PDB file of N, CA and C in Angstrom:
ATOM      1  N   MET A   1      97.188  11.198 -28.410  1.00  0.00           N
ATOM      2  CA  MET A   1      97.033   9.736 -28.854  1.00  0.00           C
ATOM      3  C   MET A   1      95.629   9.273 -28.655  1.00  0.00           C
ATOM      4  N   SER A   2      94.967   8.639 -29.569  1.00  0.00           N
ATOM      5  CA  SER A   2      93.645   8.247 -29.501  1.00  0.00           C
ATOM      6  C   SER A   2      93.496   6.859 -29.121  1.00  0.00           C
ATOM      7  N   GLU A   3      92.408   6.485 -28.465  1.00  0.00           N
ATOM      8  CA  GLU A   3      92.181   5.081 -28.164  1.00  0.00           C
ATOM      9  C   GLU A   3      92.393   3.869 -29.324  1.00  0.00           C
ATOM     10  N   ASN A   4      92.318   4.482 -30.617  1.00  0.00           N
ATOM     11  CA  ASN A   4      92.420   3.566 -31.764  1.00  0.00           C
ATOM     12  C   ASN A   4      93.893   3.558 -32.147  1.00  0.00           C
ATOM     13  N   ASP A   5      94.808   4.333 -31.730  1.00  0.00           N
ATOM     14  CA  ASP A   5      96.187   4.305 -32.306  1.00  0.00           C
ATOM     15  C   ASP A   5      96.837   3.027 -31.957  1.00  0.00           C
ATOM     16  N   ILE A   6      97.600   2.649 -33.075  1.00  0.00           N
ATOM     17  CA  ILE A   6      98.457   1.444 -32.961  1.00  0.00           C
ATOM     18  C   ILE A   6      99.722   1.872 -33.516  1.00  0.00           C
ATOM     19  N   LEU A   7     100.714   1.064 -33.257  1.00  0.00           N
ATOM     20  CA  LEU A   7     102.159   1.274 -33.820  1.00  0.00           C
ATOM     21  C   LEU A   7     102.278   0.818 -35.299  1.00  0.00           C
ATOM     22  N   GLU A   8     102.853   1.732 -35.961  1.00  0.00           N
ATOM     23  CA  GLU A   8     103.341   1.476 -37.390  1.00  0.00           C
ATOM     24  C   GLU A   8     104.125   0.424 -37.706  1.00  0.00           C
ATOM     25  N   LEU A   9     105.048   0.120 -36.796  1.00  0.00           N
ATOM     26  CA  LEU A   9     106.011  -1.161 -36.850  1.00  0.00           C
ATOM     27  C   LEU A   9     106.680  -1.221 -38.178  1.00  0.00           C
ATOM     28  N   GLU A  10     107.291   0.069 -38.598  1.00  0.00           N
ATOM     29  CA  GLU A  10     108.018   0.091 -39.786  1.00  0.00           C
ATOM     30  C   GLU A  10     109.393  -0.555 -39.623  1.00  0.00           C
ATOM     31  N   GLN A  11     110.091  -0.420 -38.316  1.00  0.00           N
ATOM     32  CA  GLN A  11     111.166  -1.115 -38.009  1.00  0.00           C
ATOM     33  C   GLN A  11     111.203  -2.601 -38.242  1.00  0.00           C
ATOM     34  N   LEU A  12     110.026  -3.078 -37.555  1.00  0.00           N
ATOM     35  CA  LEU A  12     109.895  -4.561 -37.607  1.00  0.00           C
ATOM     36  C   LEU A  12     109.673  -5.021 -39.030  1.00  0.00           C
ATOM     37  N   LYS A  13     108.835  -4.226 -39.808  1.00  0.00           N
ATOM     38  CA  LYS A  13     108.718  -4.669 -41.242  1.00  0.00           C
ATOM     39  C   LYS A  13     109.999  -4.588 -42.031  1.00  0.00           C
ATOM     40  N   GLU A  14     110.839  -3.712 -41.700  1.00  0.00           N
ATOM     41  CA  GLU A  14     112.267  -3.712 -42.478  1.00  0.00           C
ATOM     42  C   GLU A  14     112.921  -4.995 -42.098  1.00  0.00           C
ATOM     43  N   SER A  15     112.825  -5.399 -40.747  1.00  0.00           N
ATOM     44  CA  SER A  15     113.556  -6.436 -40.369  1.00  0.00           C
ATOM     45  C   SER A  15     112.949  -7.764 -40.631  1.00  0.00           C
ATOM     46  N   PHE A  16     111.600  -8.024 -40.657  1.00  0.00           N
ATOM     47  CA  PHE A  16     111.000  -9.203 -40.721  1.00  0.00           C
ATOM     48  C   PHE A  16     109.991  -9.524 -41.907  1.00  0.00           C
ATOM     49  N   GLY A  17     109.907  -8.527 -42.691  1.00  0.00           N
ATOM     50  CA  GLY A  17     108.800  -8.318 -43.667  1.00  0.00           C
ATOM     51  C   GLY A  17     107.438  -8.238 -42.988  1.00  0.00           C
ATOM     52  N   ASP A  18     106.570  -8.393 -43.643  1.00  0.00           N
ATOM     53  CA  ASP A  18     105.126  -8.056 -43.133  1.00  0.00           C
ATOM     54  C   ASP A  18     104.540  -9.418 -42.552  1.00  0.00           C
ATOM     55  N   ASP A  19     104.991  -9.700 -41.392  1.00  0.00           N
ATOM     56  CA  ASP A  19     104.666 -10.979 -40.781  1.00  0.00           C
ATOM     57  C   ASP A  19     103.944 -10.921 -39.189  1.00  0.00           C
ATOM     58  N   PRO A  20     102.663 -10.626 -39.365  1.00  0.00           N
ATOM     59  CA  PRO A  20     101.847 -10.315 -38.102  1.00  0.00           C
ATOM     60  C   PRO A  20     102.184 -11.291 -36.909  1.00  0.00           C
ATOM     61  N   GLU A  21     102.497 -12.538 -37.182  1.00  0.00           N
ATOM     62  CA  GLU A  21     102.857 -13.454 -36.145  1.00  0.00           C
ATOM     63  C   GLU A  21     104.116 -13.154 -35.394  1.00  0.00           C
ATOM     64  N   THR A  22     105.172 -12.840 -36.233  1.00  0.00           N
ATOM     65  CA  THR A  22     106.420 -12.396 -35.672  1.00  0.00           C
ATOM     66  C   THR A  22     106.354 -11.113 -34.838  1.00  0.00           C
ATOM     67  N   PHE A  23     105.552  -9.939 -35.327  1.00  0.00           N
ATOM     68  CA  PHE A  23     105.281  -8.854 -34.732  1.00  0.00           C
ATOM     69  C   PHE A  23     104.604  -9.076 -33.440  1.00  0.00           C
ATOM     70  N   ILE A  24     103.699  -9.944 -33.373  1.00  0.00           N
ATOM     71  CA  ILE A  24     102.924 -10.307 -32.113  1.00  0.00           C
ATOM     72  C   ILE A  24     104.028 -10.906 -31.134  1.00  0.00           C
ATOM     73  N   ALA A  25     104.784 -11.812 -31.509  1.00  0.00           N
ATOM     74  CA  ALA A  25     105.769 -12.235 -30.567  1.00  0.00           C
ATOM     75  C   ALA A  25     106.832 -11.407 -30.232  1.00  0.00           C
ATOM     76  N   VAL A  26     107.269 -10.479 -31.026  1.00  0.00           N
ATOM     77  CA  VAL A  26     108.244  -9.414 -30.546  1.00  0.00           C
ATOM     78  C   VAL A  26     107.455  -8.357 -29.508  1.00  0.00           C
ATOM     79  N   LEU A  27     106.346  -8.030 -29.907  1.00  0.00           N
ATOM     80  CA  LEU A  27     105.535  -7.048 -28.944  1.00  0.00           C
ATOM     81  C   LEU A  27     105.244  -7.935 -27.642  1.00  0.00           C
ATOM     82  N   GLU A  28     104.808  -9.166 -27.664  1.00  0.00           N
ATOM     83  CA  GLU A  28     104.704  -9.847 -26.335  1.00  0.00           C
ATOM     84  C   GLU A  28     105.873 -10.050 -25.592  1.00  0.00           C
ATOM     85  N   MET A  29     107.024 -10.124 -26.042  1.00  0.00           N
ATOM     86  CA  MET A  29     108.414 -10.265 -25.527  1.00  0.00           C
ATOM     87  C   MET A  29     108.580  -8.953 -24.961  1.00  0.00           C
ATOM     88  N   PHE A  30     108.504  -7.873 -25.585  1.00  0.00           N
ATOM     89  CA  PHE A  30     108.641  -6.569 -25.033  1.00  0.00           C
ATOM     90  C   PHE A  30     107.766  -6.374 -23.827  1.00  0.00           C
ATOM     91  N   MET A  31     106.505  -6.799 -23.766  1.00  0.00           N
ATOM     92  CA  MET A  31     105.531  -6.581 -22.590  1.00  0.00           C
ATOM     93  C   MET A  31     106.038  -7.427 -21.429  1.00  0.00           C
ATOM     94  N   ILE A  32     106.820  -8.450 -21.721  1.00  0.00           N
ATOM     95  CA  ILE A  32     107.625  -9.249 -20.616  1.00  0.00           C
ATOM     96  C   ILE A  32     108.741  -8.537 -20.027  1.00  0.00           C
ATOM     97  N   GLU A  33     109.700  -8.309 -21.056  1.00  0.00           N
ATOM     98  CA  GLU A  33     110.870  -7.729 -20.514  1.00  0.00           C
ATOM     99  C   GLU A  33     111.007  -6.389 -20.174  1.00  0.00           C
ATOM    100  N   VAL A  34     110.458  -5.527 -20.914  1.00  0.00           N
ATOM    101  CA  VAL A  34     110.713  -4.079 -20.645  1.00  0.00           C
ATOM    102  C   VAL A  34     109.875  -3.628 -19.262  1.00  0.00           C
ATOM    103  N   PRO A  35     108.877  -4.288 -18.744  1.00  0.00           N
ATOM    104  CA  PRO A  35     108.415  -3.806 -17.399  1.00  0.00           C
ATOM    105  C   PRO A  35     109.384  -4.206 -16.304  1.00  0.00           C
ATOM    106  N   ASN A  36     109.950  -5.345 -16.608  1.00  0.00           N
ATOM    107  CA  ASN A  36     111.002  -5.680 -15.597  1.00  0.00           C
ATOM    108  C   ASN A  36     112.261  -4.780 -15.557  1.00  0.00           C
ATOM    109  N   ASP A  37     112.708  -4.393 -16.687  1.00  0.00           N
ATOM    110  CA  ASP A  37     113.842  -3.538 -16.915  1.00  0.00           C
ATOM    111  C   ASP A  37     113.324  -2.157 -16.446  1.00  0.00           C
ATOM    112  N   TYR A  38     112.151  -1.754 -16.664  1.00  0.00           N
ATOM    113  CA  TYR A  38     111.849  -0.431 -16.084  1.00  0.00           C
ATOM    114  C   TYR A  38     111.766  -0.447 -14.618  1.00  0.00           C
ATOM    115  N   GLU A  39     111.366  -1.393 -13.994  1.00  0.00           N
ATOM    116  CA  GLU A  39     111.198  -1.579 -12.619  1.00  0.00           C
ATOM    117  C   GLU A  39     112.779  -1.409 -12.109  1.00  0.00           C
ATOM    118  N   ASP A  40     113.631  -2.099 -12.589  1.00  0.00           N
ATOM    119  CA  ASP A  40     115.081  -2.052 -12.198  1.00  0.00           C
ATOM    120  C   ASP A  40     115.623  -0.635 -12.551  1.00  0.00           C
ATOM    121  N   LEU A  41     115.295  -0.004 -13.454  1.00  0.00           N
ATOM    122  CA  LEU A  41     115.628   1.470 -13.843  1.00  0.00           C
ATOM    123  C   LEU A  41     114.867   2.302 -12.750  1.00  0.00           C
ATOM    124  N   LYS A  42     113.854   2.152 -12.506  1.00  0.00           N
ATOM    125  CA  LYS A  42     113.285   2.958 -11.340  1.00  0.00           C
ATOM    126  C   LYS A  42     113.949   2.940 -10.242  1.00  0.00           C
ATOM    127  N   ASN A  43     114.366   1.623  -9.862  1.00  0.00           N
ATOM    128  CA  ASN A  43     114.936   1.456  -8.613  1.00  0.00           C
ATOM    129  C   ASN A  43     116.358   2.246  -8.520  1.00  0.00           C
ATOM    130  N   LYS A  44     117.003   1.973  -9.554  1.00  0.00           N
ATOM    131  CA  LYS A  44     118.298   2.532  -9.618  1.00  0.00           C
ATOM    132  C   LYS A  44     118.281   4.175  -9.557  1.00  0.00           C
ATOM    133  N   MET A  45     117.200   4.667 -10.228  1.00  0.00           N
ATOM    134  CA  MET A  45     117.038   6.161 -10.262  1.00  0.00           C
ATOM    135  C   MET A  45     116.656   6.603  -8.896  1.00  0.00           C
ATOM    136  N   SER A  46     115.866   5.763  -8.094  1.00  0.00           N
ATOM    137  CA  SER A  46     115.546   6.124  -6.725  1.00  0.00           C
ATOM    138  C   SER A  46     116.677   6.342  -5.753  1.00  0.00           C
ATOM    139  N   ILE A  47     117.826   5.513  -6.124  1.00  0.00           N
ATOM    140  CA  ILE A  47     119.034   5.608  -5.268  1.00  0.00           C
ATOM    141  C   ILE A  47     120.023   6.504  -5.866  1.00  0.00           C
ATOM    142  N   GLU A  48     119.631   7.096  -7.045  1.00  0.00           N
ATOM    143  CA  GLU A  48     120.689   7.990  -7.533  1.00  0.00           C
ATOM    144  C   GLU A  48     121.771   7.329  -8.209  1.00  0.00           C
ATOM    145  N   ASP A  49     121.689   6.046  -8.620  1.00  0.00           N
ATOM    146  CA  ASP A  49     122.873   5.204  -9.166  1.00  0.00           C
ATOM    147  C   ASP A  49     122.609   5.613 -10.806  1.00  0.00           C
ATOM    148  N   TYR A  50     123.185   6.574 -11.138  1.00  0.00           N
ATOM    149  CA  TYR A  50     123.136   7.153 -12.523  1.00  0.00           C
ATOM    150  C   TYR A  50     123.915   6.174 -13.562  1.00  0.00           C
ATOM    151  N   TYR A  51     125.044   5.627 -12.993  1.00  0.00           N
ATOM    152  CA  TYR A  51     125.769   4.769 -13.752  1.00  0.00           C
ATOM    153  C   TYR A  51     124.936   3.459 -14.408  1.00  0.00           C
ATOM    154  N   ALA A  52     124.332   2.853 -13.231  1.00  0.00           N
ATOM    155  CA  ALA A  52     123.565   1.720 -13.682  1.00  0.00           C
ATOM    156  C   ALA A  52     122.241   2.123 -14.290  1.00  0.00           C
ATOM    157  N   SER A  53     121.740   3.352 -14.052  1.00  0.00           N
ATOM    158  CA  SER A  53     120.591   3.740 -14.783  1.00  0.00           C
ATOM    159  C   SER A  53     120.865   4.139 -16.203  1.00  0.00           C
ATOM    160  N   GLY A  54     122.041   4.572 -16.519  1.00  0.00           N
ATOM    161  CA  GLY A  54     122.595   4.593 -17.787  1.00  0.00           C
ATOM    162  C   GLY A  54     122.587   3.358 -18.714  1.00  0.00           C
ATOM    163  N   LEU A  55     123.150   2.369 -17.885  1.00  0.00           N
ATOM    164  CA  LEU A  55     123.145   0.992 -18.675  1.00  0.00           C
ATOM    165  C   LEU A  55     121.810   0.394 -18.794  1.00  0.00           C
ATOM    166  N   LEU A  56     121.031   0.448 -17.905  1.00  0.00           N
ATOM    167  CA  LEU A  56     119.536   0.144 -18.115  1.00  0.00           C
ATOM    168  C   LEU A  56     118.842   0.899 -19.186  1.00  0.00           C
ATOM    169  N   ALA A  57     119.075   2.320 -19.275  1.00  0.00           N
ATOM    170  CA  ALA A  57     118.468   2.966 -20.264  1.00  0.00           C
ATOM    171  C   ALA A  57     118.955   2.514 -21.766  1.00  0.00           C
ATOM    172  N   HIS A  58     120.161   2.145 -21.671  1.00  0.00           N
ATOM    173  CA  HIS A  58     120.741   1.630 -23.026  1.00  0.00           C
ATOM    174  C   HIS A  58     119.927   0.449 -23.466  1.00  0.00           C
ATOM    175  N   LYS A  59     119.753  -0.612 -22.547  1.00  0.00           N
ATOM    176  CA  LYS A  59     119.099  -1.732 -22.743  1.00  0.00           C
ATOM    177  C   LYS A  59     117.588  -1.606 -23.033  1.00  0.00           C
ATOM    178  N   VAL A  60     117.076  -0.746 -22.345  1.00  0.00           N
ATOM    179  CA  VAL A  60     115.469  -0.512 -22.675  1.00  0.00           C
ATOM    180  C   VAL A  60     115.377   0.282 -24.076  1.00  0.00           C
ATOM    181  N   LYS A  61     116.234   1.098 -24.269  1.00  0.00           N
ATOM    182  CA  LYS A  61     116.263   2.143 -25.584  1.00  0.00           C
ATOM    183  C   LYS A  61     116.146   1.173 -26.749  1.00  0.00           C
ATOM    184  N   SER A  62     116.863   0.064 -26.849  1.00  0.00           N
ATOM    185  CA  SER A  62     116.828  -0.688 -28.035  1.00  0.00           C
ATOM    186  C   SER A  62     115.540  -1.349 -28.349  1.00  0.00           C
ATOM    187  N   SER A  63     114.682  -1.751 -27.183  1.00  0.00           N
ATOM    188  CA  SER A  63     113.533  -2.168 -27.366  1.00  0.00           C
ATOM    189  C   SER A  63     112.380  -1.220 -28.015  1.00  0.00           C
ATOM    190  N   TYR A  64     112.611   0.019 -27.499  1.00  0.00           N
ATOM    191  CA  TYR A  64     111.645   1.041 -27.933  1.00  0.00           C
ATOM    192  C   TYR A  64     112.064   1.556 -29.386  1.00  0.00           C
ATOM    193  N   ARG A  65     113.364   1.630 -29.530  1.00  0.00           N
ATOM    194  CA  ARG A  65     113.845   1.752 -30.998  1.00  0.00           C
ATOM    195  C   ARG A  65     113.295   0.899 -31.993  1.00  0.00           C
ATOM    196  N   MET A  66     113.198  -0.315 -31.668  1.00  0.00           N
ATOM    197  CA  MET A  66     112.979  -1.419 -32.651  1.00  0.00           C
ATOM    198  C   MET A  66     111.248  -1.283 -32.777  1.00  0.00           C
ATOM    199  N   LEU A  67     110.588  -0.769 -31.935  1.00  0.00           N
ATOM    200  CA  LEU A  67     109.154  -0.600 -32.270  1.00  0.00           C
ATOM    201  C   LEU A  67     108.905   0.920 -32.730  1.00  0.00           C
ATOM    202  N   GLY A  68     109.964   1.567 -33.066  1.00  0.00           N
ATOM    203  CA  GLY A  68     109.735   2.918 -33.801  1.00  0.00           C
ATOM    204  C   GLY A  68     109.203   3.927 -32.905  1.00  0.00           C
ATOM    205  N   MET A  69     109.356   3.745 -31.467  1.00  0.00           N
ATOM    206  CA  MET A  69     108.843   4.707 -30.610  1.00  0.00           C
ATOM    207  C   MET A  69     109.993   5.812 -30.123  1.00  0.00           C
ATOM    208  N   GLU A  70     109.787   6.782 -31.052  1.00  0.00           N
ATOM    209  CA  GLU A  70     110.995   7.672 -30.996  1.00  0.00           C
ATOM    210  C   GLU A  70     111.129   8.553 -29.781  1.00  0.00           C
ATOM    211  N   LYS A  71     110.043   9.079 -29.123  1.00  0.00           N
ATOM    212  CA  LYS A  71     110.155   9.972 -28.016  1.00  0.00           C
ATOM    213  C   LYS A  71     110.806   9.113 -26.849  1.00  0.00           C
ATOM    214  N   GLU A  72     110.352   8.022 -26.555  1.00  0.00           N
ATOM    215  CA  GLU A  72     110.954   7.063 -25.532  1.00  0.00           C
ATOM    216  C   GLU A  72     112.396   7.035 -25.905  1.00  0.00           C
ATOM    217  N   THR A  73     112.797   6.599 -27.001  1.00  0.00           N
ATOM    218  CA  THR A  73     114.143   6.275 -27.524  1.00  0.00           C
ATOM    219  C   THR A  73     114.997   7.466 -27.288  1.00  0.00           C
ATOM    220  N   LEU A  74     114.490   8.567 -27.563  1.00  0.00           N
ATOM    221  CA  LEU A  74     115.396   9.715 -27.328  1.00  0.00           C
ATOM    222  C   LEU A  74     115.498  10.127 -25.911  1.00  0.00           C
ATOM    223  N   LEU A  75     114.474  10.058 -25.104  1.00  0.00           N
ATOM    224  CA  LEU A  75     114.783  10.264 -23.699  1.00  0.00           C
ATOM    225  C   LEU A  75     115.732   9.233 -23.067  1.00  0.00           C
ATOM    226  N   LEU A  76     115.553   7.984 -23.424  1.00  0.00           N
ATOM    227  CA  LEU A  76     116.544   6.998 -22.818  1.00  0.00           C
ATOM    228  C   LEU A  76     117.788   7.268 -23.270  1.00  0.00           C
ATOM    229  N   GLN A  77     118.045   7.782 -24.485  1.00  0.00           N
ATOM    230  CA  GLN A  77     119.373   7.991 -25.047  1.00  0.00           C
ATOM    231  C   GLN A  77     120.026   9.023 -24.249  1.00  0.00           C
ATOM    232  N   GLU A  78     119.177  10.086 -24.051  1.00  0.00           N
ATOM    233  CA  GLU A  78     119.739  11.351 -23.251  1.00  0.00           C
ATOM    234  C   GLU A  78     120.187  10.770 -21.879  1.00  0.00           C
ATOM    235  N   ILE A  79     119.360  10.004 -21.262  1.00  0.00           N
ATOM    236  CA  ILE A  79     119.731   9.512 -19.826  1.00  0.00           C
ATOM    237  C   ILE A  79     121.227   8.717 -19.915  1.00  0.00           C
ATOM    238  N   GLU A  80     121.179   7.834 -21.034  1.00  0.00           N
ATOM    239  CA  GLU A  80     122.281   6.997 -21.182  1.00  0.00           C
ATOM    240  C   GLU A  80     123.595   7.877 -21.477  1.00  0.00           C
ATOM    241  N   ASN A  81     123.411   8.949 -22.322  1.00  0.00           N
ATOM    242  CA  ASN A  81     124.562   9.768 -22.653  1.00  0.00           C
ATOM    243  C   ASN A  81     125.001  10.494 -21.645  1.00  0.00           C
ATOM    244  N   ARG A  82     124.210  11.010 -20.700  1.00  0.00           N
ATOM    245  CA  ARG A  82     124.665  11.913 -19.528  1.00  0.00           C
ATOM    246  C   ARG A  82     125.135  11.022 -18.520  1.00  0.00           C
ATOM    247  N   ALA A  83     124.644   9.832 -18.168  1.00  0.00           N
ATOM    248  CA  ALA A  83     125.244   8.876 -17.346  1.00  0.00           C
ATOM    249  C   ALA A  83     126.572   8.438 -17.599  1.00  0.00           C
ATOM    250  N   LYS A  84     126.641   8.275 -18.899  1.00  0.00           N
ATOM    251  CA  LYS A  84     127.982   7.725 -19.408  1.00  0.00           C
ATOM    252  C   LYS A  84     129.034   8.602 -19.384  1.00  0.00           C
ATOM    253  N   ARG A  85     128.749   9.985 -19.788  1.00  0.00           N
ATOM    254  CA  ARG A  85     129.685  11.042 -19.838  1.00  0.00           C
ATOM    255  C   ARG A  85     129.916  11.599 -18.360  1.00  0.00           C
ATOM    256  N   LYS A  86     128.968  11.465 -17.626  1.00  0.00           N
ATOM    257  CA  LYS A  86     128.961  12.109 -16.240  1.00  0.00           C
ATOM    258  C   LYS A  86     128.979  13.580 -16.388  1.00  0.00           C
ATOM    259  N   GLU A  87     127.942  13.941 -17.364  1.00  0.00           N
ATOM    260  CA  GLU A  87     127.842  15.279 -17.664  1.00  0.00           C
ATOM    261  C   GLU A  87     126.413  15.650 -17.468  1.00  0.00           C
ATOM    262  N   GLN A  88     125.960  16.739 -17.032  1.00  0.00           N
ATOM    263  CA  GLN A  88     124.600  17.307 -16.586  1.00  0.00           C
ATOM    264  C   GLN A  88     123.833  16.141 -16.073  1.00  0.00           C
ATOM    265  N   ILE A  89     124.511  15.411 -15.056  1.00  0.00           N
ATOM    266  CA  ILE A  89     123.533  14.352 -14.492  1.00  0.00           C
ATOM    267  C   ILE A  89     122.491  14.848 -13.659  1.00  0.00           C
ATOM    268  N   GLU A  90     122.580  16.205 -13.429  1.00  0.00           N
ATOM    269  CA  GLU A  90     121.410  16.698 -12.478  1.00  0.00           C
ATOM    270  C   GLU A  90     120.130  16.783 -13.377  1.00  0.00           C
ATOM    271  N   GLU A  91     120.300  16.476 -14.820  1.00  0.00           N
ATOM    272  CA  GLU A  91     119.150  16.541 -15.766  1.00  0.00           C
ATOM    273  C   GLU A  91     118.442  15.161 -15.768  1.00  0.00           C
ATOM    274  N   ILE A  92     119.360  14.182 -15.372  1.00  0.00           N
ATOM    275  CA  ILE A  92     118.837  12.744 -15.474  1.00  0.00           C
ATOM    276  C   ILE A  92     117.400  12.503 -14.825  1.00  0.00           C
ATOM    277  N   PRO A  93     117.101  12.932 -13.557  1.00  0.00           N
ATOM    278  CA  PRO A  93     115.924  12.728 -13.032  1.00  0.00           C
ATOM    279  C   PRO A  93     114.764  13.437 -13.792  1.00  0.00           C
ATOM    280  N   ARG A  94     114.981  14.490 -14.403  1.00  0.00           N
ATOM    281  CA  ARG A  94     113.861  15.316 -15.074  1.00  0.00           C
ATOM    282  C   ARG A  94     113.776  14.442 -16.503  1.00  0.00           C
ATOM    283  N   LEU A  95     114.737  13.951 -17.177  1.00  0.00           N
ATOM    284  CA  LEU A  95     114.394  13.195 -18.236  1.00  0.00           C
ATOM    285  C   LEU A  95     113.620  11.780 -17.984  1.00  0.00           C
ATOM    286  N   PHE A  96     114.115  11.267 -16.841  1.00  0.00           N
ATOM    287  CA  PHE A  96     113.442  10.042 -16.396  1.00  0.00           C
ATOM    288  C   PHE A  96     111.803  10.262 -16.172  1.00  0.00           C
ATOM    289  N   LYS A  97     111.697  11.286 -15.432  1.00  0.00           N
ATOM    290  CA  LYS A  97     110.306  11.851 -15.283  1.00  0.00           C
ATOM    291  C   LYS A  97     109.527  11.977 -16.472  1.00  0.00           C
ATOM    292  N   GLN A  98     110.093  12.518 -17.653  1.00  0.00           N
ATOM    293  CA  GLN A  98     109.456  12.569 -18.888  1.00  0.00           C
ATOM    294  C   GLN A  98     109.120  11.071 -19.390  1.00  0.00           C
ATOM    295  N   PHE A  99     110.046  10.205 -19.314  1.00  0.00           N
ATOM    296  CA  PHE A  99     109.849   9.062 -19.735  1.00  0.00           C
ATOM    297  C   PHE A  99     108.673   8.336 -18.996  1.00  0.00           C
ATOM    298  N   GLN A 100     108.717   8.483 -17.713  1.00  0.00           N
ATOM    299  CA  GLN A 100     107.953   7.768 -16.870  1.00  0.00           C
ATOM    300  C   GLN A 100     106.414   8.315 -17.222  1.00  0.00           C
ATOM    301  N   ASP A 101     106.288   9.522 -17.365  1.00  0.00           N
ATOM    302  CA  ASP A 101     104.912  10.112 -17.836  1.00  0.00           C
ATOM    303  C   ASP A 101     104.174   9.480 -18.881  1.00  0.00           C
ATOM    304  N   GLY A 102     105.062   8.981 -19.994  1.00  0.00           N
ATOM    305  CA  GLY A 102     104.415   8.357 -20.982  1.00  0.00           C
ATOM    306  C   GLY A 102     104.538   6.831 -21.109  1.00  0.00           C
ATOM    307  N   TYR A 103     105.080   6.356 -19.876  1.00  0.00           N
ATOM    308  CA  TYR A 103     105.406   4.784 -19.975  1.00  0.00           C
ATOM    309  C   TYR A 103     104.032   4.045 -19.999  1.00  0.00           C
ATOM    310  N   GLU A 104     103.012   4.415 -19.250  1.00  0.00           N
ATOM    311  CA  GLU A 104     101.854   3.348 -19.210  1.00  0.00           C
ATOM    312  C   GLU A 104     101.059   3.593 -20.509  1.00  0.00           C
ATOM    313  N   GLU A 105     101.064   4.794 -20.993  1.00  0.00           N
ATOM    314  CA  GLU A 105     100.412   5.112 -22.269  1.00  0.00           C
ATOM    315  C   GLU A 105     101.081   4.354 -23.347  1.00  0.00           C
ATOM    316  N   GLY A 106     102.420   4.194 -23.386  1.00  0.00           N
ATOM    317  CA  GLY A 106     103.198   3.369 -24.383  1.00  0.00           C
ATOM    318  C   GLY A 106     102.804   1.869 -24.100  1.00  0.00           C
ATOM    319  N   LEU A 107     102.637   1.331 -23.147  1.00  0.00           N
ATOM    320  CA  LEU A 107     102.380  -0.054 -22.956  1.00  0.00           C
ATOM    321  C   LEU A 107     100.814  -0.223 -23.536  1.00  0.00           C
ATOM    322  N   LYS A 108     100.106   0.722 -23.173  1.00  0.00           N
ATOM    323  CA  LYS A 108      98.560   0.579 -23.810  1.00  0.00           C
ATOM    324  C   LYS A 108      98.649   0.571 -25.307  1.00  0.00           C
ATOM    325  N   LEU A 109      99.505   1.345 -25.801  1.00  0.00           N
ATOM    326  CA  LEU A 109      99.581   1.520 -27.166  1.00  0.00           C
ATOM    327  C   LEU A 109     100.072   0.192 -27.757  1.00  0.00           C
ATOM    328  N   ILE A 110     100.996  -0.471 -27.088  1.00  0.00           N
ATOM    329  CA  ILE A 110     101.467  -1.751 -27.565  1.00  0.00           C
ATOM    330  C   ILE A 110     100.436  -2.848 -27.462  1.00  0.00           C
ATOM    331  N   MET A 111      99.814  -2.739 -26.344  1.00  0.00           N
ATOM    332  CA  MET A 111      98.598  -3.769 -26.118  1.00  0.00           C
ATOM    333  C   MET A 111      97.598  -3.685 -27.344  1.00  0.00           C
ATOM    334  N   ARG A 112      97.288  -2.462 -27.655  1.00  0.00           N
ATOM    335  CA  ARG A 112      96.215  -2.141 -28.770  1.00  0.00           C
ATOM    336  C   ARG A 112      96.859  -2.751 -30.076  1.00  0.00           C
ATOM    337  N   THR A 113      98.044  -2.469 -30.167  1.00  0.00           N
ATOM    338  CA  THR A 113      98.709  -3.064 -31.631  1.00  0.00           C
ATOM    339  C   THR A 113      98.660  -4.467 -31.483  1.00  0.00           C
ATOM    340  N   ILE A 114      98.974  -5.159 -30.344  1.00  0.00           N
ATOM    341  CA  ILE A 114      98.893  -6.715 -30.295  1.00  0.00           C
ATOM    342  C   ILE A 114      97.395  -7.122 -30.590  1.00  0.00           C
ATOM    343  N   LYS A 115      96.445  -6.514 -29.939  1.00  0.00           N
ATOM    344  CA  LYS A 115      94.968  -6.790 -30.296  1.00  0.00           C
ATOM    345  C   LYS A 115      94.718  -6.702 -31.737  1.00  0.00           C
ATOM    346  N   SER A 116      95.171  -5.630 -32.225  1.00  0.00           N
ATOM    347  CA  SER A 116      94.896  -5.479 -33.733  1.00  0.00           C
ATOM    348  C   SER A 116      95.533  -6.447 -34.722  1.00  0.00           C
ATOM    349  N   LEU A 117      96.834  -6.737 -34.335  1.00  0.00           N
ATOM    350  CA  LEU A 117      97.417  -7.892 -35.200  1.00  0.00           C
ATOM    351  C   LEU A 117      96.794  -9.124 -34.995  1.00  0.00           C
ATOM    352  N   LYS A 118      96.159  -9.418 -33.947  1.00  0.00           N
ATOM    353  CA  LYS A 118      95.629 -10.824 -33.694  1.00  0.00           C
ATOM    354  C   LYS A 118      94.170 -10.749 -34.368  1.00  0.00           C
ATOM    355  N   ARG A 119      93.657  -9.724 -34.616  1.00  0.00           N
ATOM    356  CA  ARG A 119      92.362  -9.671 -35.284  1.00  0.00           C
ATOM    357  C   ARG A 119      92.596  -9.789 -36.815  1.00  0.00           C
ATOM    358  N   ARG A 120      93.830  -9.414 -37.467  1.00  0.00           N
ATOM    359  CA  ARG A 120      94.047  -9.688 -38.930  1.00  0.00           C
ATOM    360  C   ARG A 120      93.790 -11.119 -39.346  1.00  0.00           C
TER     361      ARG A 120
END
């Protein structure tokens, strides 16, 4: 991922047309809500509350899906599935670590996208 990469926002375009102001509003809301949910998820993971982690993963997943961030969406989906089914829960910490490894870079990508849209 380069410093010039921005999100394609295909999902948002399908939902809202090509409306940069709406995109900015959605992205800014993401930057407010997701970090709070991420902290909650991190806390639940630290105490091995995988049921609550699965519920939070479900909530956060929809935000990533809306932005077309597939890797994050898939990792959160796997956490949610394993927590919900109570199967292979020993894999949940590894999946969360993979999500965490890209979390900050994902936020930077969103911020670059917001700046790019504001310059339009």
